[in-house]
Amino acid sequence: METSGVHHFATVDVIHETDCALKCYTIRECNAFVVTCKSSRKCNVRLCSLMAGFDVF
C-alpha cells in the first residue's frame, strides 16, 4: 500500500469506537481512522485520529 500521500487531519475525543467510525464515515475526505485510549489507567475516553490520502478500492 502506498502511504506517501497519507495525512492526519483531525483528532477528536469520543466515548465509543463506533463514534470514531461514524465521524470518519460522515466526512467525505476521511478514509481511515485510529482509536486509542486517552488514559492508560481507564479507557472511558478515547482519541479518534482521522486520516485521508489512502487509495481505497
N, C-alpha and C. Protein backbone atom coordinates (compact mmCIF):
# COMPACT_ATOMS: atom_id res chain seq x y z
N MET A 1 0.85 -1.17 0.00
CA MET A 1 0.00 0.00 0.00
C MET A 1 0.89 1.24 0.00
N GLU A 2 0.63 2.17 -0.88
CA GLU A 2 1.36 3.43 -0.95
C GLU A 2 0.80 4.39 0.08
N THR A 3 1.66 4.92 0.97
CA THR A 3 1.19 5.79 2.04
C THR A 3 1.82 7.17 2.01
N SER A 4 2.52 7.53 0.92
CA SER A 4 3.21 8.82 0.88
C SER A 4 2.25 10.00 0.90
N GLY A 5 1.03 9.84 0.42
CA GLY A 5 0.06 10.93 0.41
C GLY A 5 -0.87 10.94 1.61
N VAL A 6 -0.61 10.08 2.57
CA VAL A 6 -1.48 9.96 3.75
C VAL A 6 -1.20 11.11 4.71
N HIS A 7 -2.26 11.71 5.22
CA HIS A 7 -2.08 12.75 6.23
C HIS A 7 -3.19 12.69 7.28
N HIS A 8 -2.81 13.09 8.47
CA HIS A 8 -3.72 13.17 9.61
C HIS A 8 -4.37 14.54 9.55
N PHE A 9 -5.70 14.61 9.65
CA PHE A 9 -6.33 15.93 9.57
C PHE A 9 -7.17 16.30 10.78
N ALA A 10 -7.38 15.40 11.73
CA ALA A 10 -8.13 15.78 12.93
C ALA A 10 -7.97 14.72 14.02
N THR A 11 -8.04 15.18 15.26
CA THR A 11 -8.12 14.29 16.42
C THR A 11 -9.24 14.80 17.31
N VAL A 12 -10.17 13.92 17.64
CA VAL A 12 -11.31 14.31 18.48
C VAL A 12 -11.49 13.28 19.59
N ASP A 13 -12.08 13.72 20.70
CA ASP A 13 -12.42 12.81 21.80
C ASP A 13 -13.73 12.12 21.48
N VAL A 14 -13.80 10.82 21.73
CA VAL A 14 -15.03 10.05 21.55
C VAL A 14 -15.20 9.12 22.75
N ILE A 15 -16.41 8.68 22.98
CA ILE A 15 -16.70 7.75 24.06
C ILE A 15 -16.54 6.30 23.57
N HIS A 16 -17.09 6.01 22.40
CA HIS A 16 -17.08 4.65 21.85
C HIS A 16 -16.30 4.62 20.54
N GLU A 17 -15.73 3.46 20.23
CA GLU A 17 -15.02 3.30 18.96
C GLU A 17 -15.94 3.55 17.78
N THR A 18 -17.20 3.18 17.92
CA THR A 18 -18.15 3.38 16.82
C THR A 18 -18.40 4.86 16.55
N ASP A 19 -18.23 5.72 17.58
CA ASP A 19 -18.36 7.16 17.36
C ASP A 19 -17.27 7.65 16.40
N CYS A 20 -16.09 7.08 16.52
CA CYS A 20 -14.98 7.45 15.63
C CYS A 20 -15.29 6.99 14.20
N ALA A 21 -15.78 5.78 14.07
CA ALA A 21 -16.13 5.27 12.75
C ALA A 21 -17.20 6.13 12.10
N LEU A 22 -18.19 6.55 12.88
CA LEU A 22 -19.26 7.39 12.34
C LEU A 22 -18.73 8.75 11.90
N LYS A 23 -17.84 9.34 12.70
CA LYS A 23 -17.25 10.63 12.31
C LYS A 23 -16.50 10.49 10.99
N CYS A 24 -15.71 9.44 10.85
CA CYS A 24 -14.96 9.23 9.61
C CYS A 24 -15.91 9.01 8.44
N TYR A 25 -16.94 8.24 8.66
CA TYR A 25 -17.91 7.94 7.59
C TYR A 25 -18.62 9.19 7.09
N THR A 26 -18.88 10.14 7.99
CA THR A 26 -19.64 11.33 7.61
C THR A 26 -18.77 12.44 7.03
N ILE A 27 -17.44 12.30 7.09
CA ILE A 27 -16.54 13.29 6.50
C ILE A 27 -16.01 12.72 5.19
N ARG A 28 -16.32 13.39 4.10
CA ARG A 28 -16.01 12.88 2.76
C ARG A 28 -14.54 12.53 2.57
N GLU A 29 -13.64 13.36 3.09
CA GLU A 29 -12.21 13.16 2.87
C GLU A 29 -11.62 12.04 3.72
N CYS A 30 -12.30 11.66 4.77
CA CYS A 30 -11.77 10.65 5.69
C CYS A 30 -11.93 9.25 5.10
N ASN A 31 -10.81 8.50 5.07
CA ASN A 31 -10.93 7.11 4.65
C ASN A 31 -10.13 6.16 5.53
N ALA A 32 -9.72 6.65 6.71
CA ALA A 32 -9.08 5.78 7.70
C ALA A 32 -9.14 6.47 9.06
N PHE A 33 -9.16 5.67 10.12
CA PHE A 33 -9.15 6.23 11.47
C PHE A 33 -8.43 5.29 12.42
N VAL A 34 -7.92 5.86 13.51
CA VAL A 34 -7.25 5.09 14.56
C VAL A 34 -7.83 5.53 15.89
N VAL A 35 -8.20 4.57 16.72
CA VAL A 35 -8.75 4.86 18.04
C VAL A 35 -7.74 4.41 19.09
N THR A 36 -7.43 5.31 20.03
CA THR A 36 -6.52 4.99 21.14
C THR A 36 -7.14 5.48 22.44
N CYS A 37 -6.76 4.87 23.54
CA CYS A 37 -7.24 5.31 24.85
C CYS A 37 -6.55 6.61 25.24
N LYS A 38 -7.30 7.52 25.82
CA LYS A 38 -6.74 8.79 26.26
C LYS A 38 -5.92 8.61 27.54
N SER A 39 -6.32 7.67 28.37
CA SER A 39 -5.62 7.39 29.63
C SER A 39 -5.26 5.91 29.67
N SER A 40 -4.08 5.61 30.15
CA SER A 40 -3.67 4.21 30.21
C SER A 40 -4.33 3.45 31.37
N ARG A 41 -4.86 4.17 32.35
CA ARG A 41 -5.48 3.50 33.51
C ARG A 41 -6.91 3.07 33.23
N LYS A 42 -7.67 3.92 32.59
CA LYS A 42 -9.07 3.63 32.34
C LYS A 42 -9.43 4.15 30.95
N CYS A 43 -10.01 3.30 30.15
CA CYS A 43 -10.29 3.70 28.76
C CYS A 43 -11.75 4.11 28.61
N ASN A 44 -12.16 5.17 29.32
CA ASN A 44 -13.54 5.64 29.19
C ASN A 44 -13.65 6.82 28.22
N VAL A 45 -12.52 7.39 27.83
CA VAL A 45 -12.49 8.41 26.78
C VAL A 45 -11.39 8.01 25.81
N ARG A 46 -11.72 8.06 24.53
CA ARG A 46 -10.77 7.64 23.50
C ARG A 46 -10.44 8.80 22.58
N LEU A 47 -9.25 8.74 22.00
CA LEU A 47 -8.86 9.70 20.98
C LEU A 47 -9.11 9.07 19.62
N CYS A 48 -9.74 9.82 18.75
CA CYS A 48 -10.06 9.36 17.41
C CYS A 48 -9.24 10.20 16.43
N SER A 49 -8.28 9.57 15.76
CA SER A 49 -7.46 10.25 14.77
C SER A 49 -8.01 9.94 13.39
N LEU A 50 -8.37 10.98 12.66
CA LEU A 50 -8.94 10.83 11.32
C LEU A 50 -7.87 11.11 10.28
N MET A 51 -7.84 10.28 9.23
CA MET A 51 -6.80 10.40 8.20
C MET A 51 -7.40 10.35 6.81
N ALA A 52 -6.65 10.91 5.87
CA ALA A 52 -7.05 10.90 4.47
C ALA A 52 -5.83 10.58 3.62
N GLY A 53 -6.07 10.24 2.38
CA GLY A 53 -4.98 10.03 1.45
C GLY A 53 -4.71 8.58 1.08
N PHE A 54 -5.39 7.64 1.71
CA PHE A 54 -5.23 6.25 1.33
C PHE A 54 -5.99 5.99 0.04
N ASP A 55 -5.43 5.17 -0.82
CA ASP A 55 -6.16 4.73 -2.01
C ASP A 55 -7.07 3.59 -1.58
N VAL A 56 -8.37 3.79 -1.71
CA VAL A 56 -9.34 2.78 -1.31
C VAL A 56 -10.04 2.27 -2.55
N PHE A 57 -10.03 0.96 -2.73
CA PHE A 57 -10.66 0.36 -3.91
C PHE A 57 -11.83 -0.49 -3.50
